[in-house]
Amino acid sequence: MATMDIERLKREAKKLRKTTGRTHTQCLDDLAKERGFHDWRALVQAADAGANPDPNFTAR
């Protein structure tokens, strides 16, 4: 499930990049910080360890 969440967040960052003018990396970091992580790398490491990077996400 974590891979699916990561991919969804990447797509969300891509949309943010287009609307905000920020870089993709900045948008990834912003999304990670909104979820309580220091940066995107910390979010991915937590997801790899089995944590759900988006507690509001529910699988369909």
N, C-alpha and C. Protein backbone atom coordinates (compact mmCIF):
# COMPACT_ATOMS: atom_id res chain seq x y z
N MET A 1 0.82 -1.20 0.00
CA MET A 1 0.00 0.00 0.00
C MET A 1 0.86 1.25 0.00
N ALA A 2 2.01 1.21 0.62
CA ALA A 2 2.85 2.41 0.71
C ALA A 2 3.28 2.90 -0.68
N THR A 3 3.57 1.98 -1.59
CA THR A 3 3.99 2.38 -2.93
C THR A 3 2.86 3.14 -3.63
N MET A 4 1.65 2.69 -3.43
CA MET A 4 0.50 3.35 -4.04
C MET A 4 0.36 4.77 -3.48
N ASP A 5 0.55 4.92 -2.17
CA ASP A 5 0.48 6.24 -1.55
C ASP A 5 1.56 7.16 -2.09
N ILE A 6 2.78 6.64 -2.22
CA ILE A 6 3.90 7.43 -2.72
C ILE A 6 3.60 7.92 -4.13
N GLU A 7 3.12 7.05 -4.97
CA GLU A 7 2.80 7.43 -6.35
C GLU A 7 1.70 8.49 -6.38
N ARG A 8 0.71 8.36 -5.53
CA ARG A 8 -0.38 9.33 -5.47
C ARG A 8 0.15 10.69 -5.03
N LEU A 9 1.05 10.69 -4.05
CA LEU A 9 1.63 11.94 -3.58
C LEU A 9 2.52 12.58 -4.66
N LYS A 10 3.22 11.76 -5.42
CA LYS A 10 4.03 12.30 -6.53
C LYS A 10 3.14 12.99 -7.56
N ARG A 11 2.00 12.38 -7.86
CA ARG A 11 1.07 13.01 -8.82
C ARG A 11 0.52 14.32 -8.25
N GLU A 12 0.24 14.31 -6.95
CA GLU A 12 -0.25 15.53 -6.31
C GLU A 12 0.80 16.64 -6.37
N ALA A 13 2.07 16.27 -6.15
CA ALA A 13 3.17 17.25 -6.22
C ALA A 13 3.30 17.80 -7.63
N LYS A 14 3.10 16.96 -8.62
CA LYS A 14 3.18 17.41 -10.02
C LYS A 14 2.10 18.45 -10.31
N LYS A 15 0.89 18.22 -9.80
CA LYS A 15 -0.19 19.19 -9.99
C LYS A 15 0.13 20.50 -9.26
N LEU A 16 0.66 20.38 -8.04
CA LEU A 16 1.03 21.58 -7.28
C LEU A 16 2.10 22.39 -8.01
N ARG A 17 3.06 21.70 -8.60
CA ARG A 17 4.14 22.37 -9.33
C ARG A 17 3.57 23.25 -10.43
N LYS A 18 2.59 22.72 -11.12
CA LYS A 18 2.00 23.47 -12.23
C LYS A 18 1.21 24.68 -11.77
N THR A 19 0.62 24.61 -10.58
CA THR A 19 -0.21 25.71 -10.11
C THR A 19 0.54 26.70 -9.23
N THR A 20 1.67 26.29 -8.64
CA THR A 20 2.36 27.16 -7.69
C THR A 20 3.64 27.77 -8.24
N GLY A 21 4.22 27.15 -9.28
CA GLY A 21 5.49 27.63 -9.81
C GLY A 21 6.69 27.17 -9.01
N ARG A 22 6.45 26.36 -7.98
CA ARG A 22 7.56 25.82 -7.19
C ARG A 22 8.12 24.60 -7.92
N THR A 23 9.32 24.17 -7.54
CA THR A 23 9.89 22.98 -8.17
C THR A 23 9.17 21.73 -7.67
N HIS A 24 9.30 20.65 -8.42
CA HIS A 24 8.70 19.38 -8.03
C HIS A 24 9.25 18.94 -6.67
N THR A 25 10.54 19.12 -6.47
CA THR A 25 11.17 18.74 -5.20
C THR A 25 10.60 19.55 -4.04
N GLN A 26 10.40 20.84 -4.24
CA GLN A 26 9.82 21.67 -3.19
C GLN A 26 8.39 21.21 -2.87
N CYS A 27 7.65 20.86 -3.88
CA CYS A 27 6.28 20.40 -3.66
C CYS A 27 6.26 19.06 -2.92
N LEU A 28 7.18 18.17 -3.27
CA LEU A 28 7.27 16.89 -2.54
C LEU A 28 7.59 17.13 -1.07
N ASP A 29 8.54 18.01 -0.81
CA ASP A 29 8.90 18.33 0.57
C ASP A 29 7.72 18.96 1.31
N ASP A 30 6.99 19.84 0.64
CA ASP A 30 5.82 20.47 1.26
C ASP A 30 4.77 19.43 1.65
N LEU A 31 4.51 18.50 0.75
CA LEU A 31 3.53 17.45 1.03
C LEU A 31 3.99 16.58 2.20
N ALA A 32 5.28 16.30 2.25
CA ALA A 32 5.82 15.49 3.36
C ALA A 32 5.66 16.25 4.68
N LYS A 33 5.97 17.53 4.67
CA LYS A 33 5.86 18.33 5.90
C LYS A 33 4.42 18.42 6.38
N GLU A 34 3.47 18.50 5.44
CA GLU A 34 2.05 18.53 5.80
C GLU A 34 1.65 17.25 6.52
N ARG A 35 2.39 16.17 6.29
CA ARG A 35 2.07 14.88 6.89
C ARG A 35 2.97 14.57 8.09
N GLY A 36 3.71 15.59 8.54
CA GLY A 36 4.49 15.43 9.76
C GLY A 36 5.91 14.94 9.59
N PHE A 37 6.41 14.91 8.37
CA PHE A 37 7.78 14.46 8.11
C PHE A 37 8.68 15.66 7.84
N HIS A 38 9.97 15.47 8.09
CA HIS A 38 10.93 16.56 7.89
C HIS A 38 11.03 16.95 6.43
N ASP A 39 11.04 15.94 5.54
CA ASP A 39 11.14 16.18 4.11
C ASP A 39 10.67 14.93 3.37
N TRP A 40 10.72 14.99 2.04
CA TRP A 40 10.26 13.87 1.21
C TRP A 40 11.04 12.60 1.50
N ARG A 41 12.34 12.72 1.67
CA ARG A 41 13.18 11.54 1.93
C ARG A 41 12.74 10.83 3.21
N ALA A 42 12.43 11.59 4.25
CA ALA A 42 11.99 10.99 5.51
C ALA A 42 10.65 10.27 5.32
N LEU A 43 9.76 10.85 4.52
CA LEU A 43 8.48 10.21 4.24
C LEU A 43 8.69 8.89 3.52
N VAL A 44 9.54 8.88 2.50
CA VAL A 44 9.79 7.66 1.74
C VAL A 44 10.44 6.59 2.62
N GLN A 45 11.36 6.99 3.47
CA GLN A 45 11.99 6.03 4.38
C GLN A 45 10.97 5.43 5.33
N ALA A 46 10.05 6.25 5.83
CA ALA A 46 9.01 5.74 6.72
C ALA A 46 8.09 4.79 5.97
N ALA A 47 7.76 5.13 4.74
CA ALA A 47 6.90 4.26 3.93
C ALA A 47 7.59 2.93 3.67
N ASP A 48 8.90 2.96 3.38
CA ASP A 48 9.65 1.73 3.16
C ASP A 48 9.68 0.85 4.41
N ALA A 49 9.61 1.50 5.57
CA ALA A 49 9.61 0.77 6.84
C ALA A 49 8.21 0.27 7.21
N GLY A 50 7.22 0.61 6.38
CA GLY A 50 5.87 0.11 6.60
C GLY A 50 4.89 1.11 7.14
N ALA A 51 5.32 2.34 7.38
CA ALA A 51 4.39 3.36 7.86
C ALA A 51 3.54 3.86 6.70
N ASN A 52 2.33 4.29 7.00
CA ASN A 52 1.47 4.87 5.97
C ASN A 52 1.80 6.36 5.89
N PRO A 53 2.35 6.83 4.77
CA PRO A 53 2.75 8.23 4.66
C PRO A 53 1.59 9.21 4.63
N ASP A 54 0.40 8.72 4.41
CA ASP A 54 -0.76 9.60 4.37
C ASP A 54 -1.88 8.99 5.22
N PRO A 55 -1.96 9.37 6.48
CA PRO A 55 -2.97 8.76 7.35
C PRO A 55 -4.40 9.01 6.91
N ASN A 56 -4.62 10.00 6.06
CA ASN A 56 -5.96 10.30 5.57
C ASN A 56 -6.33 9.46 4.36
N PHE A 57 -5.35 8.72 3.82
CA PHE A 57 -5.58 7.91 2.63
C PHE A 57 -6.32 6.64 3.00
N THR A 58 -7.35 6.32 2.23
CA THR A 58 -8.04 5.05 2.42
C THR A 58 -8.06 4.33 1.08
N ALA A 59 -7.63 3.10 1.09
CA ALA A 59 -7.57 2.32 -0.14
C ALA A 59 -8.98 2.06 -0.65
N ARG A 60 -9.11 2.06 -1.97
CA ARG A 60 -10.42 1.80 -2.58
C ARG A 60 -10.45 0.42 -3.16
